[in-house]
Amino acid sequence: MPDLVSVEFFSEALALRKDSRKQSVATDLTVPQVLTVQNSTELRAAATVVAALASVDISGNADGCERPWMASPDSLSRFGMAHSTRTDKFTKHRFQHMYHVVLSQMYREKCRGRTAEERTLRMLEIGLGCRMHHGPGGGVALMRALITPPVTLEMHVLEFDRECALQWAKGFPKQAVIHTGDQSSATDLRRVVDEAKRPFELIVDDGSHLNAHQIFSAKTLFPALALGGVYVVEDIHSACKKWRANQPYRVEHVDGTPGCMQTEKGEKTIVAHALEWVKSLAIMKTPEDMPDLVSV
């Protein structure tokens, strides 16, 4: 049982942390003003700021494990947008607040590893971005810009659109290990885990956004996290809104409702499940369907 439980709800995102077999640390999150890069002028200005930051030694960087983007969520947003314009993680969704907490801690821990294995960060992202208007690969480019030596990023991506994924992989053969399949298929998810061979420290669901898929993937893949790992579900406003899902070849809709607790079919949403997990942790019980979960 954890000694402390941290509640980590972020703007349209959910972070689930797996038991590290060590004392859990509560997170005190302060949300500052948000920087949104909206046009080319602002993007050039952000790039200038990043370049200036990169040339300045950061105080307290005695072990060489601090990076400019770690200074604040805004720093992460500016850095990310300067290096990858094909992602909306730091614009309308404001995920920089969540990722600043998660990635800063992970990078520091990995950077201080003594062996190559200890300095390797294994990550799985569901969704390459094949149905996005800006094209695929934005999330991969972002992570490649953030996770740099001495930390090695071993990135895996699961994409439903096989043709798009394989075409992207031909153009960027060393950027990520591409897996194709359906995030609502236990067979496909287990195949990805088997092919990766080792647990992931970070899993990010930026796939279909269907509530049923988000819930199923979380429950199926959570055991594949390394101890102390984090499972992120992006776009949990899927519980509260309705729009066409990111699904090629078939038309499905994210069927959230204004109350956020039930879908239009009357099924529990990802938010409803998350609140149930929080309730269990609040009374010092491990959720039956999410063993080893220590914070939401």
Protein backbone atom coordinates (compact mmCIF):
# COMPACT_ATOMS: atom_id res chain seq x y z
CA MET A 1 0.00 0.00 0.00
CA PRO A 2 1.32 3.48 -0.80
CA ASP A 3 2.11 5.84 2.05
CA LEU A 4 0.94 8.82 0.02
CA VAL A 5 -1.43 9.10 -2.89
CA SER A 6 -1.15 11.87 -5.48
CA VAL A 7 -4.13 12.93 -7.51
CA GLU A 8 -2.96 13.98 -10.97
CA PHE A 9 -5.83 15.21 -13.11
CA PHE A 10 -4.60 17.57 -15.81
CA SER A 11 -6.21 19.55 -18.62
CA GLU A 12 -7.94 16.90 -20.72
CA ALA A 13 -5.43 14.25 -19.64
CA LEU A 14 -5.00 11.56 -17.02
CA ALA A 15 -1.74 10.22 -15.57
CA LEU A 16 -1.76 6.80 -13.89
CA ARG A 17 1.35 5.88 -11.92
CA LYS A 18 2.39 2.31 -11.18
CA ASP A 19 3.73 1.22 -7.81
CA SER A 20 7.52 1.57 -7.69
CA ARG A 21 7.74 -0.47 -4.46
CA LYS A 22 9.07 2.72 -2.91
CA GLN A 23 7.36 5.50 -1.02
CA SER A 24 5.03 7.40 -3.35
CA VAL A 25 5.50 11.15 -3.57
CA ALA A 26 2.51 13.47 -3.62
CA THR A 27 2.53 16.01 -6.43
CA ASP A 28 1.69 19.65 -5.77
CA LEU A 29 0.86 21.04 -9.20
CA THR A 30 0.57 24.78 -9.82
CA VAL A 31 -0.81 25.68 -13.25
CA PRO A 32 0.76 28.88 -14.63
CA GLN A 33 -0.31 30.92 -17.62
CA VAL A 34 -0.40 28.95 -20.86
CA LEU A 35 1.61 29.85 -23.95
CA THR A 36 -0.05 28.90 -27.22
CA VAL A 37 1.96 29.22 -30.42
CA GLN A 38 -0.62 30.03 -33.09
CA ASN A 39 1.20 31.50 -36.07
CA SER A 40 4.56 31.59 -37.80
CA THR A 41 5.64 34.85 -36.12
CA GLU A 42 5.05 33.42 -32.67
CA LEU A 43 6.76 30.19 -33.68
CA ARG A 44 9.91 32.04 -34.78
CA ALA A 45 9.85 34.02 -31.53
CA ALA A 46 9.52 30.80 -29.53
CA ALA A 47 12.45 29.28 -31.42
CA THR A 48 14.56 32.33 -30.56
CA VAL A 49 13.70 31.96 -26.89
CA VAL A 50 14.64 28.27 -26.97
CA ALA A 51 17.95 29.02 -28.66
CA ALA A 52 18.73 31.61 -26.01
CA LEU A 53 17.85 29.23 -23.21
CA ALA A 54 20.02 26.50 -24.71
CA SER A 55 23.08 28.76 -24.51
CA VAL A 56 22.65 29.52 -20.81
CA ASP A 57 23.94 27.23 -18.08
CA ILE A 58 21.11 26.24 -15.76
CA SER A 59 21.76 26.73 -12.07
CA GLY A 60 21.88 23.50 -10.13
CA ASN A 61 22.91 21.49 -13.20
CA ALA A 62 25.95 19.96 -11.53
CA ASP A 63 25.21 16.44 -12.83
CA GLY A 64 24.37 17.63 -16.35
CA CYS A 65 20.85 16.22 -16.19
CA GLU A 66 18.87 19.47 -16.39
CA ARG A 67 17.47 20.62 -19.72
CA PRO A 68 16.03 24.02 -20.75
CA TRP A 69 12.54 22.56 -21.19
CA MET A 70 12.46 21.43 -17.55
CA ALA A 71 12.30 24.99 -16.17
CA SER A 72 8.50 25.21 -16.32
CA PRO A 73 5.48 23.99 -18.29
CA ASP A 74 5.79 27.09 -20.47
CA SER A 75 9.42 26.25 -21.20
CA LEU A 76 8.36 22.77 -22.25
CA SER A 77 5.65 24.22 -24.49
CA ARG A 78 8.02 26.65 -26.19
CA PHE A 79 10.69 24.01 -26.69
CA GLY A 80 8.21 21.45 -27.99
CA MET A 81 6.57 23.80 -30.48
CA ALA A 82 9.96 24.93 -31.77
CA HIS A 83 10.94 21.33 -32.52
CA SER A 84 7.67 19.73 -33.63
CA THR A 85 4.81 21.64 -35.23
CA ARG A 86 2.95 18.44 -36.14
CA THR A 87 1.43 17.91 -32.70
CA ASP A 88 -1.33 19.61 -30.74
CA LYS A 89 -0.16 18.40 -27.32
CA PHE A 90 1.02 21.85 -26.26
CA THR A 91 -1.48 24.06 -28.07
CA LYS A 92 -5.21 23.61 -27.56
CA HIS A 93 -4.84 20.70 -25.13
CA ARG A 94 -2.24 22.25 -22.79
CA PHE A 95 -0.68 18.88 -21.97
CA GLN A 96 2.57 20.66 -21.10
CA HIS A 97 1.41 20.85 -17.47
CA MET A 98 1.15 17.08 -17.19
CA TYR A 99 4.17 16.23 -19.32
CA HIS A 100 6.38 18.69 -17.44
CA VAL A 101 5.73 16.76 -14.23
CA VAL A 102 6.09 13.31 -15.81
CA LEU A 103 8.95 13.80 -18.26
CA SER A 104 11.16 15.96 -16.03
CA GLN A 105 11.17 13.32 -13.32
CA MET A 106 11.72 10.47 -15.78
CA TYR A 107 14.56 12.21 -17.59
CA ARG A 108 16.43 13.05 -14.40
CA GLU A 109 16.12 9.50 -13.09
CA LYS A 110 17.28 7.99 -16.38
CA CYS A 111 20.08 10.50 -16.87
CA ARG A 112 21.60 9.53 -13.53
CA GLY A 113 21.66 5.84 -14.42
CA ARG A 114 25.05 4.13 -14.28
CA THR A 115 24.60 1.74 -17.19
CA ALA A 116 23.25 2.04 -20.73
CA GLU A 117 20.23 0.00 -19.69
CA GLU A 118 19.51 2.28 -16.74
CA ARG A 119 19.74 5.28 -19.07
CA THR A 120 17.24 3.87 -21.59
CA LEU A 121 13.67 5.19 -21.55
CA ARG A 122 11.17 2.82 -23.17
CA MET A 123 7.96 4.38 -24.35
CA LEU A 124 4.85 3.24 -26.21
CA GLU A 125 2.47 5.69 -27.84
CA ILE A 126 -0.87 4.58 -29.24
CA GLY A 127 -1.47 6.63 -32.37
CA LEU A 128 1.06 7.88 -34.93
CA GLY A 129 -1.23 10.71 -36.01
CA CYS A 130 -2.19 9.29 -39.39
CA ARG A 131 -5.64 10.89 -39.35
CA MET A 132 -4.45 14.30 -38.14
CA HIS A 133 -4.51 17.23 -40.55
CA HIS A 134 -0.83 17.95 -39.87
CA GLY A 135 0.20 14.41 -40.77
CA PRO A 136 1.81 11.54 -38.85
CA GLY A 137 4.88 11.48 -36.65
CA GLY A 138 4.48 14.67 -34.63
CA GLY A 139 4.56 12.89 -31.29
CA VAL A 140 7.65 10.92 -32.27
CA ALA A 141 9.48 14.09 -33.36
CA LEU A 142 8.56 15.77 -30.08
CA MET A 143 9.86 12.95 -27.92
CA ARG A 144 13.06 12.69 -29.97
CA ALA A 145 13.69 16.40 -29.35
CA LEU A 146 13.05 16.10 -25.61
CA ILE A 147 14.82 12.84 -24.78
CA THR A 148 18.45 13.32 -25.77
CA PRO A 149 21.80 11.82 -24.66
CA PRO A 150 22.90 10.63 -22.23
CA VAL A 151 19.36 9.20 -22.12
CA THR A 152 18.42 6.84 -24.96
CA LEU A 153 14.82 6.82 -26.14
CA GLU A 154 13.46 3.47 -27.31
CA MET A 155 10.14 4.52 -28.80
CA HIS A 156 7.39 2.19 -29.92
CA VAL A 157 4.20 3.28 -31.70
CA LEU A 158 0.98 1.33 -32.25
CA GLU A 159 -1.01 2.60 -35.25
CA PHE A 160 -4.32 1.29 -36.60
CA ASP A 161 -3.77 2.59 -40.15
CA ARG A 162 -1.28 0.00 -41.39
CA GLU A 163 -0.64 1.57 -44.81
CA CYS A 164 0.08 4.99 -43.33
CA ALA A 165 2.28 3.58 -40.57
CA LEU A 166 4.44 1.48 -42.86
CA GLN A 167 4.82 4.35 -45.32
CA TRP A 168 5.93 6.67 -42.52
CA ALA A 169 8.37 4.05 -41.21
CA LYS A 170 10.08 3.89 -44.62
CA GLY A 171 10.80 7.59 -44.46
CA PHE A 172 11.87 7.56 -40.80
CA PRO A 173 13.32 4.07 -40.25
CA LYS A 174 15.26 4.83 -37.06
CA GLN A 175 12.81 7.10 -35.27
CA ALA A 176 10.46 4.50 -33.76
CA VAL A 177 9.55 0.83 -33.74
CA ILE A 178 6.23 0.67 -35.59
CA HIS A 179 3.54 -1.82 -34.60
CA THR A 180 0.23 -1.99 -36.45
CA GLY A 181 -3.01 -3.11 -34.90
CA ASP A 182 -6.20 -2.22 -33.05
CA GLN A 183 -6.03 -0.81 -29.52
CA SER A 184 -9.33 -2.53 -28.73
CA SER A 185 -7.81 -5.94 -29.54
CA ALA A 186 -6.20 -7.85 -26.68
CA THR A 187 -4.30 -9.93 -29.22
CA ASP A 188 -2.80 -6.86 -30.88
CA LEU A 189 -1.90 -5.18 -27.58
CA ARG A 190 -0.23 -8.31 -26.21
CA ARG A 191 1.69 -8.73 -29.45
CA VAL A 192 3.12 -5.24 -29.02
CA VAL A 193 4.17 -6.04 -25.46
CA ASP A 194 5.77 -9.32 -26.57
CA GLU A 195 7.63 -7.67 -29.43
CA ALA A 196 8.96 -4.92 -27.16
CA LYS A 197 10.37 -7.64 -24.88
CA ARG A 198 10.83 -5.29 -21.91
CA PRO A 199 8.38 -3.21 -19.83
CA PHE A 200 7.64 0.40 -20.77
CA GLU A 201 8.38 3.29 -18.42
CA LEU A 202 5.83 5.44 -20.25
CA ILE A 203 2.70 4.55 -22.21
CA VAL A 204 0.65 7.27 -23.91
CA ASP A 205 -2.83 6.69 -25.35
CA ASP A 206 -3.42 9.23 -28.12
CA GLY A 207 -5.33 6.80 -30.31
CA SER A 208 -8.99 6.61 -31.29
CA HIS A 209 -10.23 8.58 -28.22
CA LEU A 210 -13.21 6.23 -27.95
CA ASN A 211 -14.03 5.73 -24.27
CA ALA A 212 -14.27 1.96 -24.61
CA HIS A 213 -10.85 1.86 -26.29
CA GLN A 214 -9.24 4.14 -23.70
CA ILE A 215 -10.53 1.99 -20.84
CA PHE A 216 -9.69 -1.33 -22.48
CA SER A 217 -6.17 -0.28 -23.45
CA ALA A 218 -5.43 1.07 -19.97
CA LYS A 219 -6.53 -2.11 -18.24
CA THR A 220 -4.75 -4.35 -20.75
CA LEU A 221 -1.45 -2.45 -20.96
CA PHE A 222 -1.05 -1.28 -17.37
CA PRO A 223 0.62 -4.57 -16.37
CA ALA A 224 3.19 -3.91 -19.14
CA LEU A 225 4.45 -0.81 -17.32
CA ALA A 226 7.75 -0.99 -15.46
CA LEU A 227 7.53 -0.45 -11.71
CA GLY A 228 7.22 3.29 -11.16
CA GLY A 229 6.05 3.76 -14.76
CA VAL A 230 3.32 6.15 -15.91
CA TYR A 231 0.33 5.51 -18.15
CA VAL A 232 -1.10 8.65 -19.78
CA VAL A 233 -4.55 8.89 -21.32
CA GLU A 234 -4.83 12.00 -23.45
CA ASP A 235 -8.07 13.65 -24.53
CA ILE A 236 -10.26 12.46 -21.68
CA HIS A 237 -12.79 15.13 -22.67
CA SER A 238 -13.99 12.21 -24.78
CA ALA A 239 -16.15 11.48 -21.73
CA CYS A 240 -17.94 14.80 -22.09
CA LYS A 241 -18.14 15.52 -25.81
CA LYS A 242 -18.98 13.89 -29.13
CA TRP A 243 -16.97 14.01 -32.34
CA ARG A 244 -15.82 11.73 -35.15
CA ALA A 245 -13.12 9.40 -33.91
CA ASN A 246 -9.64 9.03 -35.37
CA GLN A 247 -10.55 5.83 -37.16
CA PRO A 248 -9.62 5.11 -40.78
CA TYR A 249 -11.80 2.81 -42.89
CA ARG A 250 -14.74 2.98 -40.47
CA VAL A 251 -16.94 5.75 -39.11
CA GLU A 252 -17.25 5.84 -35.33
CA HIS A 253 -17.96 8.67 -32.95
CA VAL A 254 -16.58 9.49 -29.54
CA ASP A 255 -19.88 9.39 -27.66
CA GLY A 256 -19.36 11.38 -24.47
CA THR A 257 -22.21 13.22 -22.76
CA PRO A 258 -22.34 16.54 -20.86
CA GLY A 259 -22.34 14.77 -17.50
CA CYS A 260 -19.03 13.03 -18.38
CA MET A 261 -19.92 9.87 -16.45
CA GLN A 262 -21.77 7.89 -19.12
CA THR A 263 -21.53 7.50 -22.88
CA GLU A 264 -24.56 7.82 -25.11
CA LYS A 265 -24.84 4.02 -24.85
CA GLY A 266 -25.06 4.27 -21.06
CA GLU A 267 -21.59 2.82 -20.47
CA LYS A 268 -19.06 4.20 -18.00
CA THR A 269 -16.63 6.71 -19.45
CA ILE A 270 -12.88 6.93 -18.89
CA VAL A 271 -13.53 9.74 -16.38
CA ALA A 272 -16.00 7.58 -14.46
CA HIS A 273 -13.44 4.79 -14.25
CA ALA A 274 -10.72 7.21 -13.14
CA LEU A 275 -12.91 8.55 -10.34
CA GLU A 276 -13.59 5.00 -9.15
CA TRP A 277 -9.83 4.38 -9.04
CA VAL A 278 -9.37 7.61 -7.06
CA LYS A 279 -12.03 6.54 -4.56
CA SER A 280 -10.29 3.21 -4.01
CA LEU A 281 -6.91 4.88 -3.47
CA ALA A 282 -8.47 7.44 -1.13
CA ILE A 283 -9.41 4.65 1.28
CA MET A 284 -6.05 2.92 0.82
CA LYS A 285 -7.33 0.13 -1.39
CA THR A 286 -5.86 -1.01 -4.69
CA PRO A 287 -8.45 -0.94 -7.52
CA GLU A 288 -9.32 -4.53 -8.43
CA ASP A 289 -9.10 -3.84 -12.17
CA MET A 290 -5.84 -1.86 -11.92
CA PRO A 291 -3.42 -3.75 -9.63
CA ASP A 292 -0.28 -1.82 -8.57
CA LEU A 293 -1.92 1.54 -9.31
CA VAL A 294 -0.72 4.11 -6.76
CA SER A 295 -1.92 7.44 -8.15
CA VAL A 296 -4.38 8.87 -10.63
